[in-house]
Amino acid sequence: MSPSGSAPPSSCALSPRDYDAVRFDLDGVLTRTASVHAAAWKRLFDEFLKKRSVDTGEPFVPFDIDTDYRRHVDGKLRYDGVTAFLGSRDIGLPQRAQEDGPGVQSVRALGNLKDKYFLEHLEQRGVELYEAAITLVRALRALQIKTAVVSSSNNCAKVLETTGIADLFDARVDGKDITGR
């Protein structure tokens, strides 16, 4: 019910005479990628923390999706998320080079590994769509209203491709546009 006590409208009217284009956020509006990101972060940090526990003798305290994900990594660029989470555990690592691989102990190596885990999960299990949002996008396209998708993720194109909805958008702005890569 709306604040006035009446039922909310079951639909809204969008007309090409009123709207040139509509943009949609990929993450959390069109797709349920948060769960894929959370799983990749958990895998990354649990592996890192287990190895660190063996090397240092410190107790292993796993990454908690309910608290650590939201508090330290959700909505942040990968490397910033790595730095924030490690900082919450009083762990400092150097940034080092953009192309650092998994054998290097650096923020960038961990961030790159998280991206790898995200892509593996996406390829193996896919990602769920919010069907109501996709139905709206299709309705807009039928009305010849242009559509765009936005995401801070570098993997926006891959998510669109994997879910089969890439052709529903006239434009895409994503993490690669932000970083210039």
N, C-alpha and C. Protein backbone atom coordinates (compact mmCIF):
# COMPACT_ATOMS: atom_id res chain seq x y z
N MET A 1 0.83 -1.18 0.00
CA MET A 1 0.00 0.00 0.00
C MET A 1 0.88 1.25 0.00
N SER A 2 0.43 2.24 -0.66
CA SER A 2 1.14 3.51 -0.67
C SER A 2 0.82 4.26 0.61
N PRO A 3 1.58 5.33 0.92
CA PRO A 3 1.31 6.10 2.14
C PRO A 3 -0.13 6.61 2.20
N SER A 4 -0.77 6.84 1.05
CA SER A 4 -2.15 7.34 1.05
C SER A 4 -3.15 6.22 1.32
N GLY A 5 -2.68 4.98 1.37
CA GLY A 5 -3.55 3.85 1.64
C GLY A 5 -4.06 3.15 0.41
N SER A 6 -3.78 3.71 -0.76
CA SER A 6 -4.23 3.06 -1.99
C SER A 6 -3.16 2.09 -2.47
N ALA A 7 -3.59 1.14 -3.26
CA ALA A 7 -2.63 0.18 -3.82
C ALA A 7 -1.73 0.88 -4.82
N PRO A 8 -0.45 0.49 -4.88
CA PRO A 8 0.45 1.10 -5.86
C PRO A 8 0.03 0.71 -7.27
N PRO A 9 0.36 1.53 -8.26
CA PRO A 9 -0.01 1.18 -9.62
C PRO A 9 0.65 -0.11 -10.05
N SER A 10 -0.08 -0.92 -10.83
CA SER A 10 0.48 -2.20 -11.28
C SER A 10 1.40 -2.00 -12.47
N SER A 11 1.33 -0.87 -13.14
CA SER A 11 2.22 -0.60 -14.24
C SER A 11 2.38 0.91 -14.38
N CYS A 12 3.33 1.30 -15.15
CA CYS A 12 3.51 2.72 -15.42
C CYS A 12 3.64 2.88 -16.93
N ALA A 13 3.30 4.03 -17.39
CA ALA A 13 3.33 4.28 -18.84
C ALA A 13 4.60 5.01 -19.21
N LEU A 14 5.35 4.43 -20.12
CA LEU A 14 6.54 5.07 -20.66
C LEU A 14 6.33 5.23 -22.15
N SER A 15 6.52 6.42 -22.62
CA SER A 15 6.27 6.69 -24.03
C SER A 15 7.52 7.27 -24.68
N PRO A 16 7.78 6.90 -25.94
CA PRO A 16 8.94 7.47 -26.64
C PRO A 16 8.82 8.98 -26.82
N ARG A 17 7.62 9.51 -26.71
CA ARG A 17 7.50 10.97 -26.81
C ARG A 17 7.99 11.64 -25.52
N ASP A 18 8.00 10.89 -24.40
CA ASP A 18 8.45 11.44 -23.11
C ASP A 18 9.88 11.05 -22.75
N TYR A 19 10.35 9.93 -23.28
CA TYR A 19 11.66 9.41 -22.90
C TYR A 19 12.45 9.03 -24.15
N ASP A 20 13.69 9.52 -24.22
CA ASP A 20 14.58 9.13 -25.31
C ASP A 20 15.26 7.80 -25.02
N ALA A 21 15.59 7.61 -23.74
CA ALA A 21 16.33 6.41 -23.36
C ALA A 21 16.12 6.14 -21.87
N VAL A 22 16.36 4.91 -21.49
CA VAL A 22 16.29 4.51 -20.09
C VAL A 22 17.56 3.70 -19.80
N ARG A 23 18.19 3.99 -18.69
CA ARG A 23 19.40 3.24 -18.33
C ARG A 23 19.10 2.34 -17.13
N PHE A 24 19.80 1.22 -17.10
CA PHE A 24 19.61 0.21 -16.06
C PHE A 24 20.95 -0.16 -15.45
N ASP A 25 20.97 -0.33 -14.15
CA ASP A 25 22.14 -0.85 -13.46
C ASP A 25 22.16 -2.36 -13.66
N LEU A 26 23.30 -2.89 -14.03
CA LEU A 26 23.42 -4.34 -14.22
C LEU A 26 23.28 -5.08 -12.90
N ASP A 27 24.07 -4.66 -11.95
CA ASP A 27 24.22 -5.37 -10.68
C ASP A 27 23.08 -5.02 -9.72
N GLY A 28 22.21 -5.97 -9.46
CA GLY A 28 21.14 -5.76 -8.51
C GLY A 28 19.85 -5.25 -9.12
N VAL A 29 19.86 -4.88 -10.39
CA VAL A 29 18.64 -4.44 -11.07
C VAL A 29 18.30 -5.42 -12.19
N LEU A 30 19.27 -5.69 -13.05
CA LEU A 30 19.06 -6.65 -14.14
C LEU A 30 19.49 -8.06 -13.76
N THR A 31 20.58 -8.15 -13.00
CA THR A 31 21.15 -9.46 -12.65
C THR A 31 21.44 -9.56 -11.15
N ARG A 32 21.50 -10.78 -10.69
CA ARG A 32 21.82 -11.04 -9.28
C ARG A 32 23.32 -11.33 -9.14
N THR A 33 24.14 -10.42 -9.61
CA THR A 33 25.58 -10.65 -9.59
C THR A 33 26.19 -10.51 -8.20
N ALA A 34 25.50 -9.88 -7.27
CA ALA A 34 26.07 -9.72 -5.93
C ALA A 34 26.45 -11.07 -5.33
N SER A 35 25.62 -12.09 -5.55
CA SER A 35 25.94 -13.41 -4.99
C SER A 35 27.18 -14.01 -5.64
N VAL A 36 27.38 -13.72 -6.93
CA VAL A 36 28.57 -14.22 -7.63
C VAL A 36 29.81 -13.50 -7.12
N HIS A 37 29.70 -12.18 -6.97
CA HIS A 37 30.82 -11.41 -6.41
C HIS A 37 31.14 -11.88 -5.00
N ALA A 38 30.11 -12.05 -4.18
CA ALA A 38 30.33 -12.49 -2.79
C ALA A 38 31.02 -13.84 -2.74
N ALA A 39 30.61 -14.77 -3.59
CA ALA A 39 31.24 -16.10 -3.62
C ALA A 39 32.70 -16.00 -4.04
N ALA A 40 32.99 -15.13 -5.00
CA ALA A 40 34.38 -14.96 -5.45
C ALA A 40 35.23 -14.34 -4.35
N TRP A 41 34.68 -13.32 -3.67
CA TRP A 41 35.43 -12.71 -2.56
C TRP A 41 35.67 -13.74 -1.45
N LYS A 42 34.67 -14.53 -1.11
CA LYS A 42 34.82 -15.53 -0.04
C LYS A 42 35.90 -16.53 -0.41
N ARG A 43 35.86 -17.04 -1.60
CA ARG A 43 36.88 -18.01 -2.04
C ARG A 43 38.27 -17.38 -1.96
N LEU A 44 38.40 -16.17 -2.47
CA LEU A 44 39.68 -15.47 -2.46
C LEU A 44 40.23 -15.31 -1.05
N PHE A 45 39.44 -14.70 -0.19
CA PHE A 45 39.94 -14.38 1.15
C PHE A 45 40.09 -15.61 2.02
N ASP A 46 39.21 -16.59 1.89
CA ASP A 46 39.38 -17.81 2.69
C ASP A 46 40.66 -18.54 2.31
N GLU A 47 40.95 -18.63 1.02
CA GLU A 47 42.21 -19.26 0.59
C GLU A 47 43.41 -18.48 1.12
N PHE A 48 43.36 -17.16 0.98
CA PHE A 48 44.46 -16.31 1.45
C PHE A 48 44.64 -16.45 2.96
N LEU A 49 43.53 -16.38 3.71
CA LEU A 49 43.61 -16.41 5.18
C LEU A 49 44.04 -17.78 5.69
N LYS A 50 43.63 -18.87 5.02
CA LYS A 50 44.07 -20.21 5.42
C LYS A 50 45.58 -20.35 5.24
N LYS A 51 46.07 -19.90 4.10
CA LYS A 51 47.52 -19.97 3.84
C LYS A 51 48.27 -19.11 4.84
N ARG A 52 47.75 -17.93 5.10
CA ARG A 52 48.39 -17.03 6.07
C ARG A 52 48.41 -17.67 7.46
N SER A 53 47.33 -18.35 7.82
CA SER A 53 47.25 -19.01 9.12
C SER A 53 48.32 -20.09 9.25
N VAL A 54 48.51 -20.87 8.19
CA VAL A 54 49.54 -21.91 8.19
C VAL A 54 50.93 -21.27 8.29
N ASP A 55 51.16 -20.20 7.54
CA ASP A 55 52.47 -19.55 7.51
C ASP A 55 52.81 -18.82 8.80
N THR A 56 51.80 -18.22 9.45
CA THR A 56 52.07 -17.37 10.62
C THR A 56 51.68 -18.00 11.94
N GLY A 57 50.84 -19.04 11.90
CA GLY A 57 50.35 -19.64 13.14
C GLY A 57 49.16 -18.88 13.73
N GLU A 58 48.74 -17.81 13.08
CA GLU A 58 47.56 -17.07 13.55
C GLU A 58 46.32 -17.93 13.30
N PRO A 59 45.29 -17.75 14.12
CA PRO A 59 44.07 -18.53 13.88
C PRO A 59 43.40 -18.12 12.56
N PHE A 60 42.79 -19.10 11.92
CA PHE A 60 42.06 -18.83 10.68
C PHE A 60 40.66 -18.34 11.03
N VAL A 61 40.34 -17.15 10.60
CA VAL A 61 39.00 -16.58 10.76
C VAL A 61 38.48 -16.31 9.35
N PRO A 62 37.50 -17.10 8.89
CA PRO A 62 37.05 -16.98 7.50
C PRO A 62 36.38 -15.64 7.19
N PHE A 63 36.36 -15.33 5.92
CA PHE A 63 35.63 -14.18 5.39
C PHE A 63 34.15 -14.44 5.58
N ASP A 64 33.43 -13.50 6.16
CA ASP A 64 32.01 -13.65 6.43
C ASP A 64 31.21 -12.86 5.39
N ILE A 65 30.45 -13.58 4.57
CA ILE A 65 29.69 -12.91 3.50
C ILE A 65 28.69 -11.91 4.07
N ASP A 66 28.06 -12.24 5.19
CA ASP A 66 27.04 -11.35 5.74
C ASP A 66 27.60 -10.04 6.27
N THR A 67 28.78 -10.08 6.86
CA THR A 67 29.32 -8.83 7.42
C THR A 67 30.51 -8.29 6.62
N ASP A 68 31.50 -9.11 6.35
CA ASP A 68 32.71 -8.63 5.67
C ASP A 68 32.40 -8.14 4.26
N TYR A 69 31.55 -8.87 3.54
CA TYR A 69 31.24 -8.48 2.16
C TYR A 69 30.63 -7.08 2.13
N ARG A 70 29.58 -6.88 2.90
CA ARG A 70 28.90 -5.58 2.89
C ARG A 70 29.78 -4.46 3.44
N ARG A 71 30.48 -4.74 4.48
CA ARG A 71 31.26 -3.71 5.17
C ARG A 71 32.53 -3.31 4.41
N HIS A 72 33.18 -4.26 3.75
CA HIS A 72 34.51 -3.98 3.23
C HIS A 72 34.67 -4.01 1.71
N VAL A 73 33.85 -4.78 1.00
CA VAL A 73 34.11 -4.92 -0.44
C VAL A 73 32.96 -4.55 -1.36
N ASP A 74 31.74 -4.66 -0.90
CA ASP A 74 30.58 -4.40 -1.76
C ASP A 74 30.59 -2.97 -2.28
N GLY A 75 30.48 -2.84 -3.60
CA GLY A 75 30.41 -1.52 -4.22
C GLY A 75 31.75 -0.84 -4.42
N LYS A 76 32.83 -1.48 -4.04
CA LYS A 76 34.16 -0.89 -4.20
C LYS A 76 34.87 -1.50 -5.39
N LEU A 77 35.81 -0.75 -5.95
CA LEU A 77 36.68 -1.32 -6.96
C LEU A 77 37.46 -2.47 -6.33
N ARG A 78 37.81 -3.46 -7.12
CA ARG A 78 38.45 -4.66 -6.59
C ARG A 78 39.63 -4.38 -5.68
N TYR A 79 40.57 -3.58 -6.16
CA TYR A 79 41.78 -3.36 -5.36
C TYR A 79 41.46 -2.60 -4.08
N ASP A 80 40.50 -1.70 -4.14
CA ASP A 80 40.08 -0.99 -2.93
C ASP A 80 39.42 -1.94 -1.95
N GLY A 81 38.64 -2.90 -2.48
CA GLY A 81 38.02 -3.91 -1.63
C GLY A 81 39.04 -4.80 -0.95
N VAL A 82 40.07 -5.20 -1.69
CA VAL A 82 41.15 -6.01 -1.11
C VAL A 82 41.81 -5.23 0.03
N THR A 83 42.17 -3.99 -0.24
CA THR A 83 42.84 -3.16 0.76
C THR A 83 41.96 -2.96 1.99
N ALA A 84 40.67 -2.68 1.78
CA ALA A 84 39.76 -2.44 2.90
C ALA A 84 39.60 -3.69 3.77
N PHE A 85 39.39 -4.84 3.13
CA PHE A 85 39.22 -6.05 3.92
C PHE A 85 40.49 -6.41 4.67
N LEU A 86 41.62 -6.40 3.97
CA LEU A 86 42.88 -6.74 4.65
C LEU A 86 43.15 -5.77 5.79
N GLY A 87 42.86 -4.50 5.58
CA GLY A 87 43.02 -3.51 6.64
C GLY A 87 42.17 -3.82 7.85
N SER A 88 40.98 -4.37 7.63
CA SER A 88 40.10 -4.71 8.75
C SER A 88 40.68 -5.85 9.58
N ARG A 89 41.60 -6.60 8.99
CA ARG A 89 42.27 -7.70 9.69
C ARG A 89 43.71 -7.33 10.07
N ASP A 90 44.02 -6.05 9.96
CA ASP A 90 45.38 -5.54 10.25
C ASP A 90 46.44 -6.24 9.41
N ILE A 91 46.12 -6.47 8.15
CA ILE A 91 47.06 -7.09 7.22
C ILE A 91 47.38 -6.06 6.16
N GLY A 92 48.64 -5.81 5.96
CA GLY A 92 49.07 -4.88 4.93
C GLY A 92 49.85 -5.61 3.84
N LEU A 93 49.51 -5.33 2.60
CA LEU A 93 50.25 -5.86 1.46
C LEU A 93 50.57 -4.71 0.52
N PRO A 94 51.68 -4.81 -0.20
CA PRO A 94 51.98 -3.76 -1.18
C PRO A 94 51.01 -3.82 -2.35
N GLN A 95 50.83 -2.70 -3.04
CA GLN A 95 49.97 -2.66 -4.23
C GLN A 95 50.60 -3.45 -5.37
N ARG A 96 51.83 -3.15 -5.71
CA ARG A 96 52.60 -3.73 -6.80
C ARG A 96 51.98 -3.52 -8.17
N ALA A 97 52.31 -4.40 -9.11
CA ALA A 97 51.97 -4.19 -10.53
C ALA A 97 50.58 -4.69 -10.89
N GLN A 98 49.98 -4.03 -11.86
CA GLN A 98 48.65 -4.37 -12.36
C GLN A 98 48.56 -5.82 -12.80
N GLU A 99 49.63 -6.36 -13.37
CA GLU A 99 49.59 -7.71 -13.93
C GLU A 99 50.08 -8.78 -12.96
N ASP A 100 50.20 -8.46 -11.67
CA ASP A 100 50.64 -9.46 -10.68
C ASP A 100 49.76 -10.70 -10.74
N GLY A 101 50.40 -11.86 -10.76
CA GLY A 101 49.69 -13.12 -10.80
C GLY A 101 49.47 -13.70 -9.41
N PRO A 102 48.83 -14.88 -9.34
CA PRO A 102 48.44 -15.47 -8.07
C PRO A 102 49.59 -15.80 -7.12
N GLY A 103 50.79 -15.98 -7.62
CA GLY A 103 51.91 -16.31 -6.74
C GLY A 103 52.51 -15.11 -6.02
N VAL A 104 52.08 -13.93 -6.36
CA VAL A 104 52.63 -12.70 -5.78
C VAL A 104 51.76 -12.26 -4.61
N GLN A 105 52.40 -11.87 -3.51
CA GLN A 105 51.68 -11.37 -2.35
C GLN A 105 51.50 -9.86 -2.49
N SER A 106 50.42 -9.45 -3.18
CA SER A 106 50.14 -8.04 -3.36
C SER A 106 48.63 -7.83 -3.47
N VAL A 107 48.23 -6.59 -3.25
CA VAL A 107 46.83 -6.22 -3.38
C VAL A 107 46.35 -6.51 -4.80
N ARG A 108 47.16 -6.14 -5.77
CA ARG A 108 46.74 -6.33 -7.17
C ARG A 108 46.65 -7.81 -7.53
N ALA A 109 47.56 -8.62 -7.03
CA ALA A 109 47.49 -10.06 -7.31
C ALA A 109 46.20 -10.65 -6.74
N LEU A 110 45.85 -10.26 -5.53
CA LEU A 110 44.60 -10.75 -4.94
C LEU A 110 43.39 -10.24 -5.72
N GLY A 111 43.40 -8.98 -6.09
CA GLY A 111 42.30 -8.43 -6.88
C GLY A 111 42.14 -9.13 -8.21
N ASN A 112 43.26 -9.43 -8.86
CA ASN A 112 43.22 -10.15 -10.14
C ASN A 112 42.69 -11.56 -9.96
N LEU A 113 43.05 -12.19 -8.86
CA LEU A 113 42.58 -13.54 -8.58
C LEU A 113 41.06 -13.52 -8.29
N LYS A 114 40.58 -12.49 -7.61
CA LYS A 114 39.14 -12.37 -7.37
C LYS A 114 38.40 -12.28 -8.70
N ASP A 115 38.94 -11.51 -9.63
CA ASP A 115 38.32 -11.38 -10.94
C ASP A 115 38.28 -12.75 -11.64
N LYS A 116 39.35 -13.49 -11.54
CA LYS A 116 39.41 -14.83 -12.13
C LYS A 116 38.34 -15.73 -11.52
N TYR A 117 38.18 -15.69 -10.20
CA TYR A 117 37.18 -16.51 -9.52
C TYR A 117 35.77 -16.09 -9.94
N PHE A 118 35.54 -14.80 -10.09
CA PHE A 118 34.23 -14.31 -10.54
C PHE A 118 33.90 -14.89 -11.92
N LEU A 119 34.86 -14.80 -12.83
CA LEU A 119 34.64 -15.29 -14.20
C LEU A 119 34.43 -16.81 -14.23
N GLU A 120 35.18 -17.54 -13.40
CA GLU A 120 34.99 -18.99 -13.32
C GLU A 120 33.58 -19.33 -12.85
N HIS A 121 33.14 -18.65 -11.80
CA HIS A 121 31.80 -18.89 -11.27
C HIS A 121 30.74 -18.55 -12.31
N LEU A 122 30.93 -17.44 -13.00
CA LEU A 122 30.00 -17.01 -14.03
C LEU A 122 29.91 -18.06 -15.14
N GLU A 123 31.06 -18.56 -15.57
CA GLU A 123 31.11 -19.55 -16.64
C GLU A 123 30.50 -20.88 -16.21
N GLN A 124 30.77 -21.30 -14.98
CA GLN A 124 30.31 -22.61 -14.51
C GLN A 124 28.85 -22.61 -14.08
N ARG A 125 28.41 -21.51 -13.45
CA ARG A 125 27.07 -21.50 -12.86
C ARG A 125 26.14 -20.43 -13.41
N GLY A 126 26.70 -19.49 -14.17
CA GLY A 126 25.89 -18.40 -14.69
C GLY A 126 25.47 -17.44 -13.59
N VAL A 127 24.47 -16.64 -13.91
CA VAL A 127 23.94 -15.67 -12.94
C VAL A 127 22.46 -15.50 -13.22
N GLU A 128 21.69 -15.33 -12.18
CA GLU A 128 20.25 -15.17 -12.33
C GLU A 128 19.89 -13.77 -12.81
N LEU A 129 18.82 -13.71 -13.57
CA LEU A 129 18.27 -12.43 -14.03
C LEU A 129 17.09 -12.04 -13.15
N TYR A 130 16.84 -10.75 -13.08
CA TYR A 130 15.59 -10.25 -12.52
C TYR A 130 14.63 -10.16 -13.70
N GLU A 131 13.77 -11.15 -13.82
CA GLU A 131 12.91 -11.27 -15.00
C GLU A 131 12.00 -10.07 -15.20
N ALA A 132 11.51 -9.47 -14.13
CA ALA A 132 10.64 -8.30 -14.28
C ALA A 132 11.39 -7.14 -14.94
N ALA A 133 12.65 -6.98 -14.59
CA ALA A 133 13.46 -5.91 -15.19
C ALA A 133 13.71 -6.21 -16.67
N ILE A 134 13.98 -7.46 -16.98
CA ILE A 134 14.23 -7.83 -18.38
C ILE A 134 12.95 -7.65 -19.20
N THR A 135 11.81 -7.98 -18.62
CA THR A 135 10.53 -7.76 -19.29
C THR A 135 10.33 -6.27 -19.58
N LEU A 136 10.67 -5.42 -18.65
CA LEU A 136 10.57 -3.98 -18.85
C LEU A 136 11.50 -3.51 -19.96
N VAL A 137 12.73 -4.00 -19.97
CA VAL A 137 13.67 -3.63 -21.03
C VAL A 137 13.09 -4.02 -22.39
N ARG A 138 12.58 -5.22 -22.49
CA ARG A 138 11.99 -5.68 -23.76
C ARG A 138 10.80 -4.81 -24.17
N ALA A 139 9.98 -4.43 -23.21
CA ALA A 139 8.83 -3.57 -23.50
C ALA A 139 9.29 -2.20 -24.00
N LEU A 140 10.32 -1.65 -23.39
CA LEU A 140 10.86 -0.37 -23.83
C LEU A 140 11.40 -0.47 -25.26
N ARG A 141 12.09 -1.54 -25.54
CA ARG A 141 12.65 -1.73 -26.88
C ARG A 141 11.53 -1.87 -27.91
N ALA A 142 10.46 -2.53 -27.52
CA ALA A 142 9.32 -2.67 -28.43
C ALA A 142 8.70 -1.31 -28.75
N LEU A 143 8.84 -0.37 -27.80
CA LEU A 143 8.35 0.99 -28.01
C LEU A 143 9.40 1.88 -28.69
N GLN A 144 10.52 1.27 -29.06
CA GLN A 144 11.65 1.95 -29.69
C GLN A 144 12.29 3.01 -28.79
N ILE A 145 12.24 2.75 -27.48
CA ILE A 145 12.97 3.58 -26.52
C ILE A 145 14.34 2.94 -26.35
N LYS A 146 15.37 3.74 -26.50
CA LYS A 146 16.74 3.22 -26.37
C LYS A 146 17.00 2.81 -24.92
N THR A 147 17.87 1.81 -24.77
CA THR A 147 18.22 1.33 -23.43
C THR A 147 19.73 1.27 -23.29
N ALA A 148 20.17 1.50 -22.07
CA ALA A 148 21.59 1.44 -21.74
C ALA A 148 21.75 0.66 -20.45
N VAL A 149 22.91 0.06 -20.30
CA VAL A 149 23.25 -0.66 -19.08
C VAL A 149 24.51 -0.04 -18.50
N VAL A 150 24.54 0.11 -17.18
CA VAL A 150 25.71 0.66 -16.50
C VAL A 150 26.15 -0.29 -15.39
N SER A 151 27.45 -0.33 -15.17
CA SER A 151 28.01 -1.18 -14.12
C SER A 151 29.43 -0.71 -13.83
N SER A 152 29.84 -0.82 -12.59
CA SER A 152 31.23 -0.50 -12.27
C SER A 152 32.14 -1.68 -12.55
N SER A 153 31.58 -2.82 -12.91
CA SER A 153 32.35 -4.04 -13.16
C SER A 153 33.05 -4.02 -14.52
N ASN A 154 34.26 -4.52 -14.55
CA ASN A 154 34.98 -4.73 -15.81
C ASN A 154 34.37 -5.89 -16.60
N ASN A 155 33.54 -6.67 -15.95
CA ASN A 155 32.98 -7.88 -16.56
C ASN A 155 31.55 -7.71 -17.04
N CYS A 156 31.11 -6.49 -17.19
CA CYS A 156 29.73 -6.22 -17.62
C CYS A 156 29.41 -6.92 -18.94
N ALA A 157 30.28 -6.77 -19.93
CA ALA A 157 30.03 -7.38 -21.24
C ALA A 157 29.92 -8.90 -21.12
N LYS A 158 30.77 -9.50 -20.31
CA LYS A 158 30.75 -10.95 -20.13
C LYS A 158 29.45 -11.40 -19.44
N VAL A 159 28.98 -10.63 -18.47
CA VAL A 159 27.72 -10.97 -17.80
C VAL A 159 26.57 -10.86 -18.79
N LEU A 160 26.55 -9.80 -19.58
CA LEU A 160 25.49 -9.63 -20.57
C LEU A 160 25.50 -10.77 -21.58
N GLU A 161 26.67 -11.14 -22.01
CA GLU A 161 26.82 -12.24 -22.97
C GLU A 161 26.36 -13.57 -22.36
N THR A 162 26.81 -13.84 -21.15
CA THR A 162 26.49 -15.10 -20.48
C THR A 162 24.98 -15.24 -20.26
N THR A 163 24.32 -14.14 -19.93
CA THR A 163 22.89 -14.18 -19.66
C THR A 163 22.05 -14.08 -20.92
N GLY A 164 22.68 -13.76 -22.05
CA GLY A 164 21.96 -13.67 -23.31
C GLY A 164 21.16 -12.39 -23.49
N ILE A 165 21.53 -11.34 -22.78
CA ILE A 165 20.76 -10.09 -22.88
C ILE A 165 21.56 -8.94 -23.48
N ALA A 166 22.72 -9.21 -24.00
CA ALA A 166 23.57 -8.14 -24.55
C ALA A 166 22.88 -7.35 -25.65
N ASP A 167 22.08 -8.03 -26.46
CA ASP A 167 21.43 -7.36 -27.59
C ASP A 167 20.27 -6.45 -27.18
N LEU A 168 19.95 -6.42 -25.89
CA LEU A 168 18.85 -5.57 -25.42
C LEU A 168 19.29 -4.13 -25.14
N PHE A 169 20.57 -3.84 -25.32
CA PHE A 169 21.07 -2.52 -24.92
C PHE A 169 21.78 -1.82 -26.07
N ASP A 170 21.45 -0.55 -26.23
CA ASP A 170 22.06 0.28 -27.26
C ASP A 170 23.42 0.79 -26.81
N ALA A 171 23.61 0.90 -25.50
CA ALA A 171 24.87 1.43 -24.97
C ALA A 171 25.21 0.72 -23.67
N ARG A 172 26.51 0.68 -23.40
CA ARG A 172 27.01 0.08 -22.16
C ARG A 172 28.12 0.97 -21.62
N VAL A 173 28.05 1.28 -20.33
CA VAL A 173 29.12 2.00 -19.64
C VAL A 173 29.50 1.11 -18.47
N ASP A 174 30.78 0.74 -18.40
CA ASP A 174 31.19 -0.18 -17.34
C ASP A 174 32.54 0.18 -16.76
N GLY A 175 33.07 -0.71 -15.95
CA GLY A 175 34.34 -0.49 -15.27
C GLY A 175 35.49 -0.21 -16.21
N LYS A 176 35.44 -0.78 -17.40
CA LYS A 176 36.50 -0.53 -18.38
C LYS A 176 36.48 0.92 -18.84
N ASP A 177 35.29 1.51 -18.89
CA ASP A 177 35.21 2.94 -19.23
C ASP A 177 35.77 3.79 -18.10
N ILE A 178 35.53 3.35 -16.87
CA ILE A 178 36.00 4.09 -15.70
C ILE A 178 37.53 4.07 -15.63
N THR A 179 38.11 2.89 -15.86
CA THR A 179 39.57 2.74 -15.74
C THR A 179 40.31 3.02 -17.05
N GLY A 180 39.58 3.13 -18.16
CA GLY A 180 40.21 3.39 -19.44
C GLY A 180 40.90 2.18 -20.03
N ARG A 181 40.47 0.97 -19.61
CA ARG A 181 41.10 -0.27 -20.11
C ARG A 181 40.23 -0.98 -21.09
